[in-house]
Amino acid sequence: MTMDGPILPDGEFTVNEMLRMQQALQDQYRQIWEGISPAIGQNKLLWMVGEIGEVIDIVKKNGGENASRDPALRSRLTEEMCDVLMYFCDTLLCYGISSQELKRAYVEKFQRNMKRW
């Protein structure tokens, strides 16, 4: 996988790929970004919440139907969702949470929720 060209022309986009790409960004900008460590995890979470706010603004100001159907709004919405995922991946990197660990916890939570109501 190269970081310069298309990652996957077709197919699924995995958490592992996102983590590798996010690590490459962190490596690229390590001299100017705050870095990745448990001490920085809270900052990444706060940045992620800010990006979630930008997603909410698009939907709130334009309505969910418009945001999902209008090509320009959908593009903005998708880009902001990418920002959310990037900070989410940074947070995983900060705390050393692997995709396997995330999957295990996600499946367990899913199974509990399936029996919840």
N, C-alpha and C. Protein backbone atom coordinates (compact mmCIF):
# COMPACT_ATOMS: atom_id res chain seq x y z
N MET A 1 0.84 -1.18 0.00
CA MET A 1 0.00 0.00 0.00
C MET A 1 0.89 1.24 0.00
N THR A 2 0.63 2.15 -0.91
CA THR A 2 1.36 3.41 -0.92
C THR A 2 0.48 4.48 -0.32
N MET A 3 1.11 5.49 0.24
CA MET A 3 0.36 6.58 0.83
C MET A 3 0.10 7.69 -0.19
N ASP A 4 0.72 7.61 -1.36
CA ASP A 4 0.57 8.67 -2.36
C ASP A 4 -0.58 8.43 -3.32
N GLY A 5 -0.81 7.18 -3.68
CA GLY A 5 -1.83 6.87 -4.68
C GLY A 5 -3.09 6.35 -4.03
N PRO A 6 -4.01 5.90 -4.86
CA PRO A 6 -5.25 5.33 -4.33
C PRO A 6 -4.93 4.13 -3.44
N ILE A 7 -5.61 4.06 -2.31
CA ILE A 7 -5.39 2.97 -1.38
C ILE A 7 -6.13 1.73 -1.85
N LEU A 8 -7.41 1.87 -2.09
CA LEU A 8 -8.24 0.77 -2.56
C LEU A 8 -9.16 1.29 -3.66
N PRO A 9 -8.94 0.92 -4.90
CA PRO A 9 -9.85 1.39 -5.93
C PRO A 9 -11.26 0.86 -5.70
N ASP A 10 -11.37 -0.35 -5.22
CA ASP A 10 -12.65 -0.97 -4.92
C ASP A 10 -12.48 -1.78 -3.64
N GLY A 11 -13.57 -2.12 -3.03
CA GLY A 11 -13.51 -2.99 -1.87
C GLY A 11 -13.76 -2.24 -0.58
N GLU A 12 -13.68 -2.98 0.49
CA GLU A 12 -13.95 -2.44 1.82
C GLU A 12 -12.77 -1.61 2.33
N PHE A 13 -13.09 -0.67 3.17
CA PHE A 13 -12.08 0.19 3.81
C PHE A 13 -12.02 -0.24 5.26
N THR A 14 -10.89 -0.75 5.69
CA THR A 14 -10.80 -1.37 7.01
C THR A 14 -10.23 -0.42 8.05
N VAL A 15 -10.48 -0.76 9.29
CA VAL A 15 -9.91 -0.01 10.41
C VAL A 15 -8.38 -0.08 10.35
N ASN A 16 -7.84 -1.24 10.00
CA ASN A 16 -6.38 -1.37 9.89
C ASN A 16 -5.81 -0.39 8.88
N GLU A 17 -6.49 -0.25 7.73
CA GLU A 17 -6.01 0.70 6.73
C GLU A 17 -6.07 2.13 7.26
N MET A 18 -7.16 2.46 7.93
CA MET A 18 -7.28 3.81 8.50
C MET A 18 -6.17 4.07 9.52
N LEU A 19 -5.90 3.07 10.36
CA LEU A 19 -4.85 3.22 11.37
C LEU A 19 -3.47 3.40 10.73
N ARG A 20 -3.20 2.61 9.69
CA ARG A 20 -1.91 2.75 9.00
C ARG A 20 -1.78 4.13 8.36
N MET A 21 -2.85 4.59 7.74
CA MET A 21 -2.82 5.90 7.09
C MET A 21 -2.66 7.01 8.13
N GLN A 22 -3.35 6.87 9.26
CA GLN A 22 -3.25 7.88 10.30
C GLN A 22 -1.85 7.90 10.91
N GLN A 23 -1.25 6.72 11.07
CA GLN A 23 0.12 6.65 11.57
C GLN A 23 1.08 7.31 10.58
N ALA A 24 0.84 7.11 9.28
CA ALA A 24 1.68 7.76 8.27
C ALA A 24 1.57 9.28 8.36
N LEU A 25 0.35 9.79 8.57
CA LEU A 25 0.20 11.23 8.76
C LEU A 25 0.94 11.71 10.00
N GLN A 26 0.82 10.96 11.08
CA GLN A 26 1.52 11.32 12.31
C GLN A 26 3.03 11.33 12.09
N ASP A 27 3.53 10.33 11.39
CA ASP A 27 4.97 10.28 11.10
C ASP A 27 5.40 11.46 10.22
N GLN A 28 4.59 11.76 9.22
CA GLN A 28 4.89 12.86 8.29
C GLN A 28 5.00 14.20 9.01
N TYR A 29 4.12 14.42 9.98
CA TYR A 29 4.03 15.74 10.63
C TYR A 29 4.47 15.73 12.09
N ARG A 30 5.27 14.76 12.46
CA ARG A 30 5.67 14.63 13.87
C ARG A 30 6.38 15.87 14.40
N GLN A 31 7.02 16.64 13.53
CA GLN A 31 7.73 17.85 13.98
C GLN A 31 6.78 19.00 14.31
N ILE A 32 5.56 18.96 13.76
CA ILE A 32 4.65 20.10 13.99
C ILE A 32 3.35 19.70 14.69
N TRP A 33 2.98 18.43 14.69
CA TRP A 33 1.79 17.99 15.40
C TRP A 33 2.16 17.59 16.82
N GLU A 34 1.18 17.49 17.68
CA GLU A 34 1.43 17.23 19.09
C GLU A 34 1.83 15.79 19.39
N GLY A 35 1.69 14.89 18.46
CA GLY A 35 2.14 13.52 18.67
C GLY A 35 1.03 12.59 19.11
N ILE A 36 1.44 11.38 19.39
CA ILE A 36 0.53 10.31 19.77
C ILE A 36 1.04 9.68 21.06
N SER A 37 0.24 9.76 22.09
CA SER A 37 0.56 9.14 23.38
C SER A 37 -0.69 9.16 24.24
N PRO A 38 -0.73 8.35 25.29
CA PRO A 38 -1.90 8.39 26.17
C PRO A 38 -2.16 9.79 26.74
N ALA A 39 -1.11 10.55 26.99
CA ALA A 39 -1.28 11.90 27.52
C ALA A 39 -1.97 12.83 26.53
N ILE A 40 -1.88 12.54 25.26
CA ILE A 40 -2.48 13.37 24.20
C ILE A 40 -3.88 12.87 23.81
N GLY A 41 -4.25 11.68 24.25
CA GLY A 41 -5.53 11.09 23.88
C GLY A 41 -6.72 12.00 24.14
N GLN A 42 -6.71 12.68 25.28
CA GLN A 42 -7.83 13.57 25.59
C GLN A 42 -7.95 14.69 24.56
N ASN A 43 -6.83 15.23 24.13
CA ASN A 43 -6.86 16.28 23.10
C ASN A 43 -7.47 15.77 21.81
N LYS A 44 -7.09 14.56 21.42
CA LYS A 44 -7.64 13.98 20.19
C LYS A 44 -9.15 13.79 20.30
N LEU A 45 -9.60 13.36 21.48
CA LEU A 45 -11.04 13.21 21.70
C LEU A 45 -11.76 14.55 21.59
N LEU A 46 -11.17 15.59 22.14
CA LEU A 46 -11.79 16.92 22.06
C LEU A 46 -11.84 17.42 20.62
N TRP A 47 -10.76 17.19 19.87
CA TRP A 47 -10.78 17.57 18.45
C TRP A 47 -11.85 16.80 17.70
N MET A 48 -12.01 15.51 18.05
CA MET A 48 -13.03 14.69 17.40
C MET A 48 -14.43 15.24 17.70
N VAL A 49 -14.67 15.64 18.93
CA VAL A 49 -15.97 16.22 19.29
C VAL A 49 -16.22 17.49 18.47
N GLY A 50 -15.18 18.30 18.26
CA GLY A 50 -15.32 19.49 17.44
C GLY A 50 -15.72 19.14 16.02
N GLU A 51 -15.13 18.09 15.48
CA GLU A 51 -15.48 17.65 14.12
C GLU A 51 -16.89 17.09 14.07
N ILE A 52 -17.32 16.41 15.12
CA ILE A 52 -18.70 15.94 15.18
C ILE A 52 -19.65 17.13 15.15
N GLY A 53 -19.26 18.21 15.83
CA GLY A 53 -20.06 19.44 15.78
C GLY A 53 -20.20 19.98 14.37
N GLU A 54 -19.14 19.88 13.57
CA GLU A 54 -19.23 20.33 12.17
C GLU A 54 -20.18 19.45 11.37
N VAL A 55 -20.18 18.15 11.65
CA VAL A 55 -21.13 17.24 10.99
C VAL A 55 -22.56 17.63 11.38
N ILE A 56 -22.77 17.85 12.66
CA ILE A 56 -24.10 18.22 13.14
C ILE A 56 -24.56 19.53 12.51
N ASP A 57 -23.66 20.50 12.38
CA ASP A 57 -24.02 21.78 11.76
C ASP A 57 -24.54 21.61 10.34
N ILE A 58 -23.89 20.76 9.57
CA ILE A 58 -24.33 20.53 8.19
C ILE A 58 -25.74 19.98 8.18
N VAL A 59 -26.00 19.00 9.01
CA VAL A 59 -27.32 18.37 9.04
C VAL A 59 -28.35 19.34 9.61
N LYS A 60 -27.99 20.03 10.68
CA LYS A 60 -28.94 20.94 11.33
C LYS A 60 -29.32 22.09 10.41
N LYS A 61 -28.35 22.65 9.72
CA LYS A 61 -28.62 23.81 8.86
C LYS A 61 -29.30 23.44 7.55
N ASN A 62 -29.11 22.22 7.09
CA ASN A 62 -29.61 21.83 5.77
C ASN A 62 -30.65 20.72 5.80
N GLY A 63 -30.82 20.08 6.93
CA GLY A 63 -31.71 18.94 7.04
C GLY A 63 -31.03 17.66 6.59
N GLY A 64 -31.41 16.57 7.20
CA GLY A 64 -30.80 15.29 6.90
C GLY A 64 -31.03 14.83 5.47
N GLU A 65 -32.24 15.07 4.97
CA GLU A 65 -32.55 14.66 3.60
C GLU A 65 -31.68 15.41 2.60
N ASN A 66 -31.58 16.72 2.76
CA ASN A 66 -30.74 17.52 1.86
C ASN A 66 -29.27 17.13 1.97
N ALA A 67 -28.81 16.93 3.20
CA ALA A 67 -27.41 16.58 3.40
C ALA A 67 -27.06 15.23 2.77
N SER A 68 -28.04 14.35 2.69
CA SER A 68 -27.75 13.04 2.11
C SER A 68 -27.97 12.99 0.60
N ARG A 69 -28.77 13.92 0.07
CA ARG A 69 -29.10 13.86 -1.37
C ARG A 69 -28.38 14.89 -2.23
N ASP A 70 -28.17 16.10 -1.71
CA ASP A 70 -27.51 17.15 -2.49
C ASP A 70 -26.02 16.81 -2.61
N PRO A 71 -25.51 16.69 -3.83
CA PRO A 71 -24.12 16.25 -4.01
C PRO A 71 -23.09 17.12 -3.27
N ALA A 72 -23.25 18.45 -3.30
CA ALA A 72 -22.28 19.32 -2.63
C ALA A 72 -22.34 19.15 -1.12
N LEU A 73 -23.54 19.10 -0.57
CA LEU A 73 -23.70 18.91 0.88
C LEU A 73 -23.21 17.53 1.30
N ARG A 74 -23.55 16.53 0.51
CA ARG A 74 -23.10 15.17 0.82
C ARG A 74 -21.58 15.09 0.83
N SER A 75 -20.94 15.77 -0.11
CA SER A 75 -19.48 15.79 -0.15
C SER A 75 -18.90 16.44 1.12
N ARG A 76 -19.49 17.56 1.53
CA ARG A 76 -19.04 18.22 2.77
C ARG A 76 -19.27 17.33 3.98
N LEU A 77 -20.46 16.71 4.03
CA LEU A 77 -20.79 15.82 5.14
C LEU A 77 -19.80 14.66 5.22
N THR A 78 -19.52 14.07 4.08
CA THR A 78 -18.58 12.94 4.03
C THR A 78 -17.18 13.38 4.45
N GLU A 79 -16.75 14.55 3.99
CA GLU A 79 -15.43 15.04 4.38
C GLU A 79 -15.34 15.27 5.89
N GLU A 80 -16.38 15.84 6.46
CA GLU A 80 -16.37 16.06 7.91
C GLU A 80 -16.40 14.75 8.67
N MET A 81 -17.13 13.75 8.14
CA MET A 81 -17.12 12.44 8.77
C MET A 81 -15.72 11.82 8.72
N CYS A 82 -14.99 12.10 7.64
CA CYS A 82 -13.60 11.63 7.56
C CYS A 82 -12.76 12.27 8.65
N ASP A 83 -12.97 13.57 8.90
CA ASP A 83 -12.24 14.23 9.99
C ASP A 83 -12.54 13.55 11.32
N VAL A 84 -13.81 13.20 11.55
CA VAL A 84 -14.18 12.49 12.78
C VAL A 84 -13.42 11.18 12.87
N LEU A 85 -13.42 10.42 11.77
CA LEU A 85 -12.72 9.13 11.78
C LEU A 85 -11.22 9.28 11.96
N MET A 86 -10.65 10.33 11.40
CA MET A 86 -9.21 10.54 11.56
C MET A 86 -8.86 10.78 13.03
N TYR A 87 -9.64 11.62 13.71
CA TYR A 87 -9.38 11.83 15.13
C TYR A 87 -9.70 10.59 15.95
N PHE A 88 -10.71 9.82 15.53
CA PHE A 88 -11.01 8.55 16.19
C PHE A 88 -9.79 7.63 16.09
N CYS A 89 -9.23 7.53 14.89
CA CYS A 89 -8.04 6.68 14.70
C CYS A 89 -6.85 7.21 15.49
N ASP A 90 -6.67 8.53 15.52
CA ASP A 90 -5.62 9.10 16.36
C ASP A 90 -5.80 8.68 17.81
N THR A 91 -7.05 8.68 18.28
CA THR A 91 -7.34 8.29 19.66
C THR A 91 -6.98 6.82 19.88
N LEU A 92 -7.35 5.96 18.92
CA LEU A 92 -6.97 4.56 19.04
C LEU A 92 -5.45 4.42 19.11
N LEU A 93 -4.74 5.18 18.27
CA LEU A 93 -3.28 5.13 18.30
C LEU A 93 -2.73 5.64 19.63
N CYS A 94 -3.32 6.69 20.16
CA CYS A 94 -2.86 7.24 21.45
C CYS A 94 -2.91 6.21 22.56
N TYR A 95 -3.97 5.42 22.57
CA TYR A 95 -4.16 4.44 23.64
C TYR A 95 -3.71 3.04 23.25
N GLY A 96 -3.16 2.90 22.05
CA GLY A 96 -2.63 1.60 21.62
C GLY A 96 -3.71 0.55 21.43
N ILE A 97 -4.90 0.96 21.03
CA ILE A 97 -6.00 0.03 20.81
C ILE A 97 -5.92 -0.49 19.37
N SER A 98 -5.76 -1.79 19.23
CA SER A 98 -5.63 -2.39 17.90
C SER A 98 -7.00 -2.62 17.28
N SER A 99 -7.01 -2.87 15.99
CA SER A 99 -8.28 -3.16 15.32
C SER A 99 -8.89 -4.46 15.86
N GLN A 100 -8.05 -5.42 16.22
CA GLN A 100 -8.55 -6.67 16.78
C GLN A 100 -9.21 -6.44 18.13
N GLU A 101 -8.59 -5.61 18.95
CA GLU A 101 -9.15 -5.28 20.26
C GLU A 101 -10.47 -4.53 20.10
N LEU A 102 -10.50 -3.59 19.15
CA LEU A 102 -11.71 -2.84 18.88
C LEU A 102 -12.82 -3.77 18.40
N LYS A 103 -12.49 -4.68 17.49
CA LYS A 103 -13.49 -5.62 16.98
C LYS A 103 -14.04 -6.49 18.09
N ARG A 104 -13.18 -7.00 18.93
CA ARG A 104 -13.63 -7.86 20.03
C ARG A 104 -14.60 -7.11 20.93
N ALA A 105 -14.25 -5.89 21.32
CA ALA A 105 -15.12 -5.09 22.18
C ALA A 105 -16.42 -4.72 21.47
N TYR A 106 -16.32 -4.40 20.18
CA TYR A 106 -17.51 -4.03 19.40
C TYR A 106 -18.49 -5.19 19.31
N VAL A 107 -17.97 -6.38 19.02
CA VAL A 107 -18.83 -7.57 18.92
C VAL A 107 -19.48 -7.87 20.26
N GLU A 108 -18.72 -7.79 21.34
CA GLU A 108 -19.28 -8.03 22.67
C GLU A 108 -20.38 -7.02 23.00
N LYS A 109 -20.13 -5.75 22.69
CA LYS A 109 -21.13 -4.71 22.94
C LYS A 109 -22.36 -4.93 22.06
N PHE A 110 -22.15 -5.29 20.81
CA PHE A 110 -23.25 -5.59 19.89
C PHE A 110 -24.11 -6.72 20.45
N GLN A 111 -23.47 -7.78 20.90
CA GLN A 111 -24.21 -8.93 21.42
C GLN A 111 -25.02 -8.54 22.67
N ARG A 112 -24.44 -7.74 23.56
CA ARG A 112 -25.19 -7.27 24.73
C ARG A 112 -26.37 -6.42 24.30
N ASN A 113 -26.15 -5.53 23.33
CA ASN A 113 -27.23 -4.66 22.89
C ASN A 113 -28.35 -5.42 22.19
N MET A 114 -28.01 -6.50 21.51
CA MET A 114 -29.02 -7.30 20.82
C MET A 114 -29.98 -7.94 21.82
N LYS A 115 -29.56 -8.10 23.04
CA LYS A 115 -30.39 -8.73 24.08
C LYS A 115 -30.96 -7.71 25.06
N ARG A 116 -30.67 -6.45 24.82
CA ARG A 116 -30.98 -5.41 25.80
C ARG A 116 -32.46 -5.09 25.90
N TRP A 117 -33.16 -4.94 24.80
CA TRP A 117 -34.57 -4.54 24.86
C TRP A 117 -35.45 -5.58 24.27
